[in-house]
Amino acid sequence: MDTAASDRRLIERILFDSAKVPYSQGDYRLQTDFDRDRDHDLLLIVGWDGIRREHGCLVHVDLIDGKFWIQRDGTESRIAQELLDAGVPGSRIVLAFRSLEKRRLTDCAVT
């Protein structure tokens, strides 16, 4: 089986499942965005909290050289843990939102 295709399906499933979880406050919609040509995947929040407009990125994951580069993770479930639970080894997960020094202290890949 093609590893890249399998990785794409896995992150798509994780982000779709995350988008189904209702947000605890405000009138928000969670939506996914997958760029299959460049392997950039996003979970976005769009909506209102009273009179305050919200629009932003909750999760951003890139597939780079066979690794899951987590650029941003604003979820409670933590995308890295979901990848580990799905059987992805820590050596294929890069916590890109952390500094190199902090990445070296984890069981995940540094780069």
PDB file of N, CA and C in Angstrom:
ATOM      1  N   MET A   1       0.837  -1.190   0.000  1.00  0.00           N
ATOM      2  CA  MET A   1       0.000   0.000   0.000  1.00  0.00           C
ATOM      3  C   MET A   1       0.879   1.250   0.000  1.00  0.00           C
ATOM      4  N   ASP A   2       0.453   2.260  -0.698  1.00  0.00           N
ATOM      5  CA  ASP A   2       1.179   3.521  -0.802  1.00  0.00           C
ATOM      6  C   ASP A   2       1.142   4.244   0.542  1.00  0.00           C
ATOM      7  N   THR A   3       2.319   4.441   1.148  1.00  0.00           N
ATOM      8  CA  THR A   3       2.398   5.078   2.462  1.00  0.00           C
ATOM      9  C   THR A   3       1.868   6.503   2.431  1.00  0.00           C
ATOM     10  N   ALA A   4       2.200   7.266   1.400  1.00  0.00           N
ATOM     11  CA  ALA A   4       1.733   8.657   1.313  1.00  0.00           C
ATOM     12  C   ALA A   4       0.209   8.707   1.270  1.00  0.00           C
ATOM     13  N   ALA A   5      -0.395   7.843   0.482  1.00  0.00           N
ATOM     14  CA  ALA A   5      -1.860   7.816   0.390  1.00  0.00           C
ATOM     15  C   ALA A   5      -2.467   7.404   1.722  1.00  0.00           C
ATOM     16  N   SER A   6      -1.865   6.437   2.377  1.00  0.00           N
ATOM     17  CA  SER A   6      -2.333   5.983   3.689  1.00  0.00           C
ATOM     18  C   SER A   6      -2.207   7.109   4.724  1.00  0.00           C
ATOM     19  N   ASP A   7      -1.090   7.836   4.694  1.00  0.00           N
ATOM     20  CA  ASP A   7      -0.890   8.974   5.608  1.00  0.00           C
ATOM     21  C   ASP A   7      -1.943  10.049   5.362  1.00  0.00           C
ATOM     22  N   ARG A   8      -2.238  10.321   4.105  1.00  0.00           N
ATOM     23  CA  ARG A   8      -3.248  11.330   3.764  1.00  0.00           C
ATOM     24  C   ARG A   8      -4.620  10.919   4.304  1.00  0.00           C
ATOM     25  N   ARG A   9      -4.967   9.661   4.121  1.00  0.00           N
ATOM     26  CA  ARG A   9      -6.264   9.175   4.620  1.00  0.00           C
ATOM     27  C   ARG A   9      -6.332   9.256   6.140  1.00  0.00           C
ATOM     28  N   LEU A  10      -5.232   8.938   6.811  1.00  0.00           N
ATOM     29  CA  LEU A  10      -5.209   8.977   8.272  1.00  0.00           C
ATOM     30  C   LEU A  10      -5.423  10.392   8.787  1.00  0.00           C
ATOM     31  N   ILE A  11      -4.674  11.353   8.281  1.00  0.00           N
ATOM     32  CA  ILE A  11      -4.826  12.721   8.780  1.00  0.00           C
ATOM     33  C   ILE A  11      -6.187  13.281   8.403  1.00  0.00           C
ATOM     34  N   GLU A  12      -6.704  12.886   7.246  1.00  0.00           N
ATOM     35  CA  GLU A  12      -8.042  13.315   6.847  1.00  0.00           C
ATOM     36  C   GLU A  12      -9.084  12.786   7.835  1.00  0.00           C
ATOM     37  N   ARG A  13      -8.981  11.506   8.204  1.00  0.00           N
ATOM     38  CA  ARG A  13      -9.922  10.923   9.161  1.00  0.00           C
ATOM     39  C   ARG A  13      -9.838  11.617  10.519  1.00  0.00           C
ATOM     40  N   ILE A  14      -8.612  11.866  10.985  1.00  0.00           N
ATOM     41  CA  ILE A  14      -8.431  12.517  12.283  1.00  0.00           C
ATOM     42  C   ILE A  14      -9.029  13.920  12.271  1.00  0.00           C
ATOM     43  N   LEU A  15      -8.783  14.682  11.215  1.00  0.00           N
ATOM     44  CA  LEU A  15      -9.310  16.051  11.168  1.00  0.00           C
ATOM     45  C   LEU A  15     -10.821  16.061  10.973  1.00  0.00           C
ATOM     46  N   PHE A  16     -11.362  15.148  10.162  1.00  0.00           N
ATOM     47  CA  PHE A  16     -12.823  15.046  10.025  1.00  0.00           C
ATOM     48  C   PHE A  16     -13.462  14.725  11.373  1.00  0.00           C
ATOM     49  N   ASP A  17     -12.875  13.777  12.107  1.00  0.00           N
ATOM     50  CA  ASP A  17     -13.409  13.424  13.427  1.00  0.00           C
ATOM     51  C   ASP A  17     -13.326  14.611  14.384  1.00  0.00           C
ATOM     52  N   SER A  18     -12.230  15.351  14.332  1.00  0.00           N
ATOM     53  CA  SER A  18     -12.092  16.540  15.187  1.00  0.00           C
ATOM     54  C   SER A  18     -13.127  17.595  14.844  1.00  0.00           C
ATOM     55  N   ALA A  19     -13.460  17.709  13.569  1.00  0.00           N
ATOM     56  CA  ALA A  19     -14.443  18.709  13.128  1.00  0.00           C
ATOM     57  C   ALA A  19     -15.850  18.370  13.607  1.00  0.00           C
ATOM     58  N   LYS A  20     -16.104  17.127  13.956  1.00  0.00           N
ATOM     59  CA  LYS A  20     -17.426  16.709  14.433  1.00  0.00           C
ATOM     60  C   LYS A  20     -17.660  17.072  15.902  1.00  0.00           C
ATOM     61  N   VAL A  21     -16.600  17.332  16.630  1.00  0.00           N
ATOM     62  CA  VAL A  21     -16.733  17.641  18.056  1.00  0.00           C
ATOM     63  C   VAL A  21     -17.288  19.053  18.202  1.00  0.00           C
ATOM     64  N   PRO A  22     -18.451  19.196  18.872  1.00  0.00           N
ATOM     65  CA  PRO A  22     -19.026  20.533  19.002  1.00  0.00           C
ATOM     66  C   PRO A  22     -18.148  21.447  19.866  1.00  0.00           C
ATOM     67  N   TYR A  23     -18.082  22.694  19.465  1.00  0.00           N
ATOM     68  CA  TYR A  23     -17.312  23.678  20.225  1.00  0.00           C
ATOM     69  C   TYR A  23     -18.113  24.077  21.450  1.00  0.00           C
ATOM     70  N   SER A  24     -17.463  24.254  22.579  1.00  0.00           N
ATOM     71  CA  SER A  24     -18.163  24.443  23.850  1.00  0.00           C
ATOM     72  C   SER A  24     -18.796  25.820  24.030  1.00  0.00           C
ATOM     73  N   GLN A  25     -18.362  26.789  23.272  1.00  0.00           N
ATOM     74  CA  GLN A  25     -18.923  28.136  23.429  1.00  0.00           C
ATOM     75  C   GLN A  25     -19.053  28.799  22.068  1.00  0.00           C
ATOM     76  N   GLY A  26     -19.874  29.829  22.005  1.00  0.00           N
ATOM     77  CA  GLY A  26     -20.035  30.570  20.763  1.00  0.00           C
ATOM     78  C   GLY A  26     -20.784  29.777  19.707  1.00  0.00           C
ATOM     79  N   ASP A  27     -20.988  30.415  18.584  1.00  0.00           N
ATOM     80  CA  ASP A  27     -21.678  29.812  17.446  1.00  0.00           C
ATOM     81  C   ASP A  27     -20.630  29.549  16.369  1.00  0.00           C
ATOM     82  N   TYR A  28     -19.949  28.404  16.491  1.00  0.00           N
ATOM     83  CA  TYR A  28     -18.817  28.097  15.628  1.00  0.00           C
ATOM     84  C   TYR A  28     -19.102  26.914  14.728  1.00  0.00           C
ATOM     85  N   ARG A  29     -18.430  26.922  13.603  1.00  0.00           N
ATOM     86  CA  ARG A  29     -18.425  25.809  12.671  1.00  0.00           C
ATOM     87  C   ARG A  29     -16.963  25.421  12.472  1.00  0.00           C
ATOM     88  N   LEU A  30     -16.681  24.135  12.553  1.00  0.00           N
ATOM     89  CA  LEU A  30     -15.334  23.655  12.281  1.00  0.00           C
ATOM     90  C   LEU A  30     -15.329  23.085  10.876  1.00  0.00           C
ATOM     91  N   GLN A  31     -14.338  23.447  10.103  1.00  0.00           N
ATOM     92  CA  GLN A  31     -14.265  22.956   8.733  1.00  0.00           C
ATOM     93  C   GLN A  31     -12.852  22.507   8.404  1.00  0.00           C
ATOM     94  N   THR A  32     -12.775  21.539   7.522  1.00  0.00           N
ATOM     95  CA  THR A  32     -11.487  21.000   7.103  1.00  0.00           C
ATOM     96  C   THR A  32     -11.118  21.542   5.733  1.00  0.00           C
ATOM     97  N   ASP A  33      -9.824  21.576   5.476  1.00  0.00           N
ATOM     98  CA  ASP A  33      -9.314  22.005   4.183  1.00  0.00           C
ATOM     99  C   ASP A  33      -8.077  21.157   3.891  1.00  0.00           C
ATOM    100  N   PHE A  34      -8.118  20.415   2.786  1.00  0.00           N
ATOM    101  CA  PHE A  34      -7.031  19.516   2.425  1.00  0.00           C
ATOM    102  C   PHE A  34      -6.444  19.928   1.079  1.00  0.00           C
ATOM    103  N   ASP A  35      -5.166  20.249   1.061  1.00  0.00           N
ATOM    104  CA  ASP A  35      -4.451  20.555  -0.178  1.00  0.00           C
ATOM    105  C   ASP A  35      -3.651  19.306  -0.549  1.00  0.00           C
ATOM    106  N   ARG A  36      -4.217  18.478  -1.387  1.00  0.00           N
ATOM    107  CA  ARG A  36      -3.604  17.201  -1.749  1.00  0.00           C
ATOM    108  C   ARG A  36      -2.389  17.370  -2.665  1.00  0.00           C
ATOM    109  N   ASP A  37      -2.306  18.462  -3.388  1.00  0.00           N
ATOM    110  CA  ASP A  37      -1.152  18.681  -4.263  1.00  0.00           C
ATOM    111  C   ASP A  37       0.100  19.024  -3.461  1.00  0.00           C
ATOM    112  N   ARG A  38      -0.069  19.688  -2.341  1.00  0.00           N
ATOM    113  CA  ARG A  38       1.073  20.145  -1.536  1.00  0.00           C
ATOM    114  C   ARG A  38       1.123  19.516  -0.146  1.00  0.00           C
ATOM    115  N   ASP A  39       0.139  18.662   0.167  1.00  0.00           N
ATOM    116  CA  ASP A  39       0.062  17.975   1.464  1.00  0.00           C
ATOM    117  C   ASP A  39       0.046  18.936   2.653  1.00  0.00           C
ATOM    118  N   HIS A  40      -0.837  19.924   2.573  1.00  0.00           N
ATOM    119  CA  HIS A  40      -1.118  20.832   3.690  1.00  0.00           C
ATOM    120  C   HIS A  40      -2.556  20.582   4.112  1.00  0.00           C
ATOM    121  N   ASP A  41      -2.769  20.256   5.378  1.00  0.00           N
ATOM    122  CA  ASP A  41      -4.105  19.944   5.872  1.00  0.00           C
ATOM    123  C   ASP A  41      -4.438  20.833   7.061  1.00  0.00           C
ATOM    124  N   LEU A  42      -5.671  21.369   7.052  1.00  0.00           N
ATOM    125  CA  LEU A  42      -6.079  22.334   8.070  1.00  0.00           C
ATOM    126  C   LEU A  42      -7.418  21.974   8.691  1.00  0.00           C
ATOM    127  N   LEU A  43      -7.570  22.335   9.955  1.00  0.00           N
ATOM    128  CA  LEU A  43      -8.864  22.359  10.620  1.00  0.00           C
ATOM    129  C   LEU A  43      -9.078  23.804  11.035  1.00  0.00           C
ATOM    130  N   LEU A  44     -10.154  24.404  10.518  1.00  0.00           N
ATOM    131  CA  LEU A  44     -10.417  25.826  10.732  1.00  0.00           C
ATOM    132  C   LEU A  44     -11.632  26.025  11.621  1.00  0.00           C
ATOM    133  N   ILE A  45     -11.637  27.135  12.349  1.00  0.00           N
ATOM    134  CA  ILE A  45     -12.798  27.537  13.130  1.00  0.00           C
ATOM    135  C   ILE A  45     -13.356  28.814  12.496  1.00  0.00           C
ATOM    136  N   VAL A  46     -14.676  28.825  12.305  1.00  0.00           N
ATOM    137  CA  VAL A  46     -15.337  29.967  11.683  1.00  0.00           C
ATOM    138  C   VAL A  46     -16.628  30.211  12.445  1.00  0.00           C
ATOM    139  N   GLY A  47     -16.876  31.452  12.843  1.00  0.00           N
ATOM    140  CA  GLY A  47     -18.145  31.739  13.510  1.00  0.00           C
ATOM    141  C   GLY A  47     -18.081  32.978  14.385  1.00  0.00           C
ATOM    142  N   TRP A  48     -18.988  32.995  15.354  1.00  0.00           N
ATOM    143  CA  TRP A  48     -19.156  34.150  16.219  1.00  0.00           C
ATOM    144  C   TRP A  48     -19.213  33.734  17.680  1.00  0.00           C
ATOM    145  N   ASP A  49     -18.624  34.557  18.531  1.00  0.00           N
ATOM    146  CA  ASP A  49     -18.771  34.451  19.982  1.00  0.00           C
ATOM    147  C   ASP A  49     -19.369  35.773  20.421  1.00  0.00           C
ATOM    148  N   GLY A  50     -20.712  35.813  20.465  1.00  0.00           N
ATOM    149  CA  GLY A  50     -21.390  37.081  20.710  1.00  0.00           C
ATOM    150  C   GLY A  50     -21.190  37.993  19.520  1.00  0.00           C
ATOM    151  N   ILE A  51     -20.551  39.154  19.761  1.00  0.00           N
ATOM    152  CA  ILE A  51     -20.303  40.101  18.672  1.00  0.00           C
ATOM    153  C   ILE A  51     -18.890  39.976  18.098  1.00  0.00           C
ATOM    154  N   ARG A  52     -18.135  39.030  18.642  1.00  0.00           N
ATOM    155  CA  ARG A  52     -16.746  38.850  18.216  1.00  0.00           C
ATOM    156  C   ARG A  52     -16.648  37.771  17.134  1.00  0.00           C
ATOM    157  N   ARG A  53     -16.095  38.118  15.996  1.00  0.00           N
ATOM    158  CA  ARG A  53     -15.905  37.201  14.877  1.00  0.00           C
ATOM    159  C   ARG A  53     -14.667  36.351  15.122  1.00  0.00           C
ATOM    160  N   GLU A  54     -14.800  35.060  14.869  1.00  0.00           N
ATOM    161  CA  GLU A  54     -13.669  34.140  14.966  1.00  0.00           C
ATOM    162  C   GLU A  54     -13.447  33.491  13.613  1.00  0.00           C
ATOM    163  N   HIS A  55     -12.217  33.480  13.197  1.00  0.00           N
ATOM    164  CA  HIS A  55     -11.836  32.784  11.978  1.00  0.00           C
ATOM    165  C   HIS A  55     -10.357  32.484  12.102  1.00  0.00           C
ATOM    166  N   GLY A  56     -10.019  31.209  12.132  1.00  0.00           N
ATOM    167  CA  GLY A  56      -8.609  30.900  12.270  1.00  0.00           C
ATOM    168  C   GLY A  56      -8.320  29.424  12.165  1.00  0.00           C
ATOM    169  N   CYS A  57      -7.068  29.128  12.258  1.00  0.00           N
ATOM    170  CA  CYS A  57      -6.570  27.771  12.109  1.00  0.00           C
ATOM    171  C   CYS A  57      -6.420  27.123  13.485  1.00  0.00           C
ATOM    172  N   LEU A  58      -7.108  25.994  13.698  1.00  0.00           N
ATOM    173  CA  LEU A  58      -6.940  25.216  14.923  1.00  0.00           C
ATOM    174  C   LEU A  58      -5.825  24.190  14.767  1.00  0.00           C
ATOM    175  N   VAL A  59      -5.780  23.559  13.592  1.00  0.00           N
ATOM    176  CA  VAL A  59      -4.781  22.520  13.335  1.00  0.00           C
ATOM    177  C   VAL A  59      -4.217  22.716  11.931  1.00  0.00           C
ATOM    178  N   HIS A  60      -2.903  22.568  11.822  1.00  0.00           N
ATOM    179  CA  HIS A  60      -2.219  22.601  10.527  1.00  0.00           C
ATOM    180  C   HIS A  60      -1.192  21.472  10.544  1.00  0.00           C
ATOM    181  N   VAL A  61      -1.353  20.530   9.628  1.00  0.00           N
ATOM    182  CA  VAL A  61      -0.424  19.407   9.504  1.00  0.00           C
ATOM    183  C   VAL A  61       0.066  19.332   8.066  1.00  0.00           C
ATOM    184  N   ASP A  62       1.381  19.249   7.898  1.00  0.00           N
ATOM    185  CA  ASP A  62       1.986  19.047   6.584  1.00  0.00           C
ATOM    186  C   ASP A  62       2.599  17.653   6.545  1.00  0.00           C
ATOM    187  N   LEU A  63       2.539  17.013   5.413  1.00  0.00           N
ATOM    188  CA  LEU A  63       3.275  15.769   5.189  1.00  0.00           C
ATOM    189  C   LEU A  63       4.528  16.136   4.410  1.00  0.00           C
ATOM    190  N   ILE A  64       5.682  15.963   5.055  1.00  0.00           N
ATOM    191  CA  ILE A  64       6.965  16.337   4.459  1.00  0.00           C
ATOM    192  C   ILE A  64       7.935  15.173   4.624  1.00  0.00           C
ATOM    193  N   ASP A  65       8.435  14.686   3.502  1.00  0.00           N
ATOM    194  CA  ASP A  65       9.433  13.604   3.513  1.00  0.00           C
ATOM    195  C   ASP A  65       9.023  12.437   4.408  1.00  0.00           C
ATOM    196  N   GLY A  66       7.764  12.027   4.311  1.00  0.00           N
ATOM    197  CA  GLY A  66       7.299  10.865   5.050  1.00  0.00           C
ATOM    198  C   GLY A  66       7.007  11.099   6.518  1.00  0.00           C
ATOM    199  N   LYS A  67       6.986  12.362   6.923  1.00  0.00           N
ATOM    200  CA  LYS A  67       6.705  12.672   8.330  1.00  0.00           C
ATOM    201  C   LYS A  67       5.510  13.618   8.431  1.00  0.00           C
ATOM    202  N   PHE A  68       4.817  13.513   9.553  1.00  0.00           N
ATOM    203  CA  PHE A  68       3.710  14.409   9.873  1.00  0.00           C
ATOM    204  C   PHE A  68       4.281  15.611  10.620  1.00  0.00           C
ATOM    205  N   TRP A  69       4.308  16.771   9.974  1.00  0.00           N
ATOM    206  CA  TRP A  69       4.801  17.992  10.595  1.00  0.00           C
ATOM    207  C   TRP A  69       3.597  18.747  11.151  1.00  0.00           C
ATOM    208  N   ILE A  70       3.438  18.734  12.461  1.00  0.00           N
ATOM    209  CA  ILE A  70       2.321  19.430  13.095  1.00  0.00           C
ATOM    210  C   ILE A  70       2.752  20.875  13.326  1.00  0.00           C
ATOM    211  N   GLN A  71       2.254  21.754  12.474  1.00  0.00           N
ATOM    212  CA  GLN A  71       2.628  23.168  12.516  1.00  0.00           C
ATOM    213  C   GLN A  71       1.856  23.923  13.605  1.00  0.00           C
ATOM    214  N   ARG A  72       0.602  23.481  13.841  1.00  0.00           N
ATOM    215  CA  ARG A  72      -0.237  24.103  14.869  1.00  0.00           C
ATOM    216  C   ARG A  72      -1.204  23.051  15.369  1.00  0.00           C
ATOM    217  N   ASP A  73      -1.452  23.050  16.680  1.00  0.00           N
ATOM    218  CA  ASP A  73      -2.453  22.164  17.258  1.00  0.00           C
ATOM    219  C   ASP A  73      -3.145  22.900  18.396  1.00  0.00           C
ATOM    220  N   GLY A  74      -4.351  23.365  18.119  1.00  0.00           N
ATOM    221  CA  GLY A  74      -5.143  24.069  19.129  1.00  0.00           C
ATOM    222  C   GLY A  74      -6.298  23.227  19.644  1.00  0.00           C
ATOM    223  N   THR A  75      -6.177  21.902  19.551  1.00  0.00           N
ATOM    224  CA  THR A  75      -7.244  21.017  19.995  1.00  0.00           C
ATOM    225  C   THR A  75      -6.967  20.507  21.398  1.00  0.00           C
ATOM    226  N   GLU A  76      -8.004  20.032  22.055  1.00  0.00           N
ATOM    227  CA  GLU A  76      -7.829  19.414  23.365  1.00  0.00           C
ATOM    228  C   GLU A  76      -7.317  17.987  23.235  1.00  0.00           C
ATOM    229  N   SER A  77      -7.658  17.324  22.134  1.00  0.00           N
ATOM    230  CA  SER A  77      -7.299  15.909  21.965  1.00  0.00           C
ATOM    231  C   SER A  77      -5.839  15.712  21.575  1.00  0.00           C
ATOM    232  N   ARG A  78      -5.225  16.700  21.003  1.00  0.00           N
ATOM    233  CA  ARG A  78      -3.834  16.659  20.563  1.00  0.00           C
ATOM    234  C   ARG A  78      -3.631  15.684  19.412  1.00  0.00           C
ATOM    235  N   ILE A  79      -3.349  16.234  18.275  1.00  0.00           N
ATOM    236  CA  ILE A  79      -3.209  15.473  17.037  1.00  0.00           C
ATOM    237  C   ILE A  79      -2.058  14.466  17.132  1.00  0.00           C
ATOM    238  N   ALA A  80      -0.949  14.837  17.752  1.00  0.00           N
ATOM    239  CA  ALA A  80       0.184  13.905  17.872  1.00  0.00           C
ATOM    240  C   ALA A  80      -0.240  12.636  18.603  1.00  0.00           C
ATOM    241  N   GLN A  81      -1.020  12.781  19.663  1.00  0.00           N
ATOM    242  CA  GLN A  81      -1.461  11.606  20.411  1.00  0.00           C
ATOM    243  C   GLN A  81      -2.384  10.733  19.559  1.00  0.00           C
ATOM    244  N   GLU A  82      -3.222  11.366  18.769  1.00  0.00           N
ATOM    245  CA  GLU A  82      -4.106  10.598  17.893  1.00  0.00           C
ATOM    246  C   GLU A  82      -3.307   9.836  16.838  1.00  0.00           C
ATOM    247  N   LEU A  83      -2.247  10.448  16.330  1.00  0.00           N
ATOM    248  CA  LEU A  83      -1.382   9.745  15.377  1.00  0.00           C
ATOM    249  C   LEU A  83      -0.686   8.561  16.050  1.00  0.00           C
ATOM    250  N   LEU A  84      -0.175   8.781  17.264  1.00  0.00           N
ATOM    251  CA  LEU A  84       0.466   7.691  18.004  1.00  0.00           C
ATOM    252  C   LEU A  84      -0.525   6.564  18.272  1.00  0.00           C
ATOM    253  N   ASP A  85      -1.739   6.928  18.679  1.00  0.00           N
ATOM    254  CA  ASP A  85      -2.779   5.923  18.950  1.00  0.00           C
ATOM    255  C   ASP A  85      -3.133   5.124  17.691  1.00  0.00           C
ATOM    256  N   ALA A  86      -2.961   5.751  16.520  1.00  0.00           N
ATOM    257  CA  ALA A  86      -3.258   5.082  15.249  1.00  0.00           C
ATOM    258  C   ALA A  86      -2.082   4.223  14.767  1.00  0.00           C
ATOM    259  N   GLY A  87      -0.998   4.200  15.542  1.00  0.00           N
ATOM    260  CA  GLY A  87       0.137   3.352  15.193  1.00  0.00           C
ATOM    261  C   GLY A  87       1.290   4.043  14.496  1.00  0.00           C
ATOM    262  N   VAL A  88       1.221   5.355  14.356  1.00  0.00           N
ATOM    263  CA  VAL A  88       2.332   6.087  13.737  1.00  0.00           C
ATOM    264  C   VAL A  88       3.460   6.199  14.770  1.00  0.00           C
ATOM    265  N   PRO A  89       4.670   5.781  14.424  1.00  0.00           N
ATOM    266  CA  PRO A  89       5.775   5.902  15.386  1.00  0.00           C
ATOM    267  C   PRO A  89       6.147   7.366  15.614  1.00  0.00           C
ATOM    268  N   GLY A  90       6.586   7.663  16.822  1.00  0.00           N
ATOM    269  CA  GLY A  90       6.996   9.025  17.161  1.00  0.00           C
ATOM    270  C   GLY A  90       8.076   9.565  16.238  1.00  0.00           C
ATOM    271  N   SER A  91       8.878   8.679  15.683  1.00  0.00           N
ATOM    272  CA  SER A  91       9.950   9.103  14.774  1.00  0.00           C
ATOM    273  C   SER A  91       9.418   9.685  13.471  1.00  0.00           C
ATOM    274  N   ARG A  92       8.097   9.566  13.227  1.00  0.00           N
ATOM    275  CA  ARG A  92       7.485  10.125  12.016  1.00  0.00           C
ATOM    276  C   ARG A  92       6.609  11.334  12.333  1.00  0.00           C
ATOM    277  N   ILE A  93       6.668  11.820  13.564  1.00  0.00           N
ATOM    278  CA  ILE A  93       5.851  12.962  13.978  1.00  0.00           C
ATOM    279  C   ILE A  93       6.777  14.085  14.430  1.00  0.00           C
ATOM    280  N   VAL A  94       6.648  15.248  13.814  1.00  0.00           N
ATOM    281  CA  VAL A  94       7.461  16.410  14.179  1.00  0.00           C
ATOM    282  C   VAL A  94       6.535  17.454  14.802  1.00  0.00           C
ATOM    283  N   LEU A  95       6.827  17.843  16.030  1.00  0.00           N
ATOM    284  CA  LEU A  95       6.058  18.884  16.706  1.00  0.00           C
ATOM    285  C   LEU A  95       6.646  20.232  16.300  1.00  0.00           C
ATOM    286  N   ALA A  96       6.338  20.643  15.071  1.00  0.00           N
ATOM    287  CA  ALA A  96       6.967  21.825  14.471  1.00  0.00           C
ATOM    288  C   ALA A  96       6.612  23.117  15.192  1.00  0.00           C
ATOM    289  N   PHE A  97       5.544  23.117  15.990  1.00  0.00           N
ATOM    290  CA  PHE A  97       5.161  24.313  16.735  1.00  0.00           C
ATOM    291  C   PHE A  97       6.027  24.493  17.982  1.00  0.00           C
ATOM    292  N   ARG A  98       6.886  23.544  18.271  1.00  0.00           N
ATOM    293  CA  ARG A  98       7.821  23.628  19.394  1.00  0.00           C
ATOM    294  C   ARG A  98       9.222  23.955  18.883  1.00  0.00           C
ATOM    295  N   SER A  99      10.018  24.598  19.719  1.00  0.00           N
ATOM    296  CA  SER A  99      11.401  24.902  19.340  1.00  0.00           C
ATOM    297  C   SER A  99      12.206  23.609  19.231  1.00  0.00           C
ATOM    298  N   LEU A 100      13.321  23.663  18.526  1.00  0.00           N
ATOM    299  CA  LEU A 100      14.185  22.486  18.398  1.00  0.00           C
ATOM    300  C   LEU A 100      14.609  21.949  19.761  1.00  0.00           C
ATOM    301  N   GLU A 101      14.901  22.855  20.683  1.00  0.00           N
ATOM    302  CA  GLU A 101      15.334  22.438  22.018  1.00  0.00           C
ATOM    303  C   GLU A 101      14.240  21.639  22.725  1.00  0.00           C
ATOM    304  N   LYS A 102      12.999  22.075  22.607  1.00  0.00           N
ATOM    305  CA  LYS A 102      11.893  21.359  23.251  1.00  0.00           C
ATOM    306  C   LYS A 102      11.573  20.059  22.520  1.00  0.00           C
ATOM    307  N   ARG A 103      11.712  20.046  21.190  1.00  0.00           N
ATOM    308  CA  ARG A 103      11.474  18.819  20.428  1.00  0.00           C
ATOM    309  C   ARG A 103      12.437  17.717  20.839  1.00  0.00           C
ATOM    310  N   ARG A 104      13.668  18.100  21.175  1.00  0.00           N
ATOM    311  CA  ARG A 104      14.670  17.106  21.578  1.00  0.00           C
ATOM    312  C   ARG A 104      14.291  16.416  22.884  1.00  0.00           C
ATOM    313  N   LEU A 105      13.408  17.001  23.662  1.00  0.00           N
ATOM    314  CA  LEU A 105      12.995  16.436  24.946  1.00  0.00           C
ATOM    315  C   LEU A 105      11.799  15.495  24.816  1.00  0.00           C
ATOM    316  N   THR A 106      11.288  15.317  23.599  1.00  0.00           N
ATOM    317  CA  THR A 106      10.116  14.452  23.385  1.00  0.00           C
ATOM    318  C   THR A 106      10.523  13.145  22.741  1.00  0.00           C
ATOM    319  N   ASP A 107       9.573  12.246  22.623  1.00  0.00           N
ATOM    320  CA  ASP A 107       9.789  10.981  21.917  1.00  0.00           C
ATOM    321  C   ASP A 107       9.476  11.108  20.429  1.00  0.00           C
ATOM    322  N   CYS A 108       9.216  12.314  19.974  1.00  0.00           N
ATOM    323  CA  CYS A 108       8.909  12.554  18.572  1.00  0.00           C
ATOM    324  C   CYS A 108      10.163  12.980  17.823  1.00  0.00           C
ATOM    325  N   ALA A 109      10.039  13.046  16.496  1.00  0.00           N
ATOM    326  CA  ALA A 109      11.173  13.430  15.658  1.00  0.00           C
ATOM    327  C   ALA A 109      11.539  14.899  15.892  1.00  0.00           C
ATOM    328  N   VAL A 110      12.789  15.212  15.755  1.00  0.00           N
ATOM    329  CA  VAL A 110      13.250  16.604  15.877  1.00  0.00           C
ATOM    330  C   VAL A 110      13.025  17.327  14.545  1.00  0.00           C
ATOM    331  N   THR A 111      13.418  16.690  13.439  1.00  0.00           N
ATOM    332  CA  THR A 111      13.180  17.227  12.090  1.00  0.00           C
ATOM    333  C   THR A 111      12.850  16.098  11.145  1.00  0.00           C
TER     334      THR A 111
END
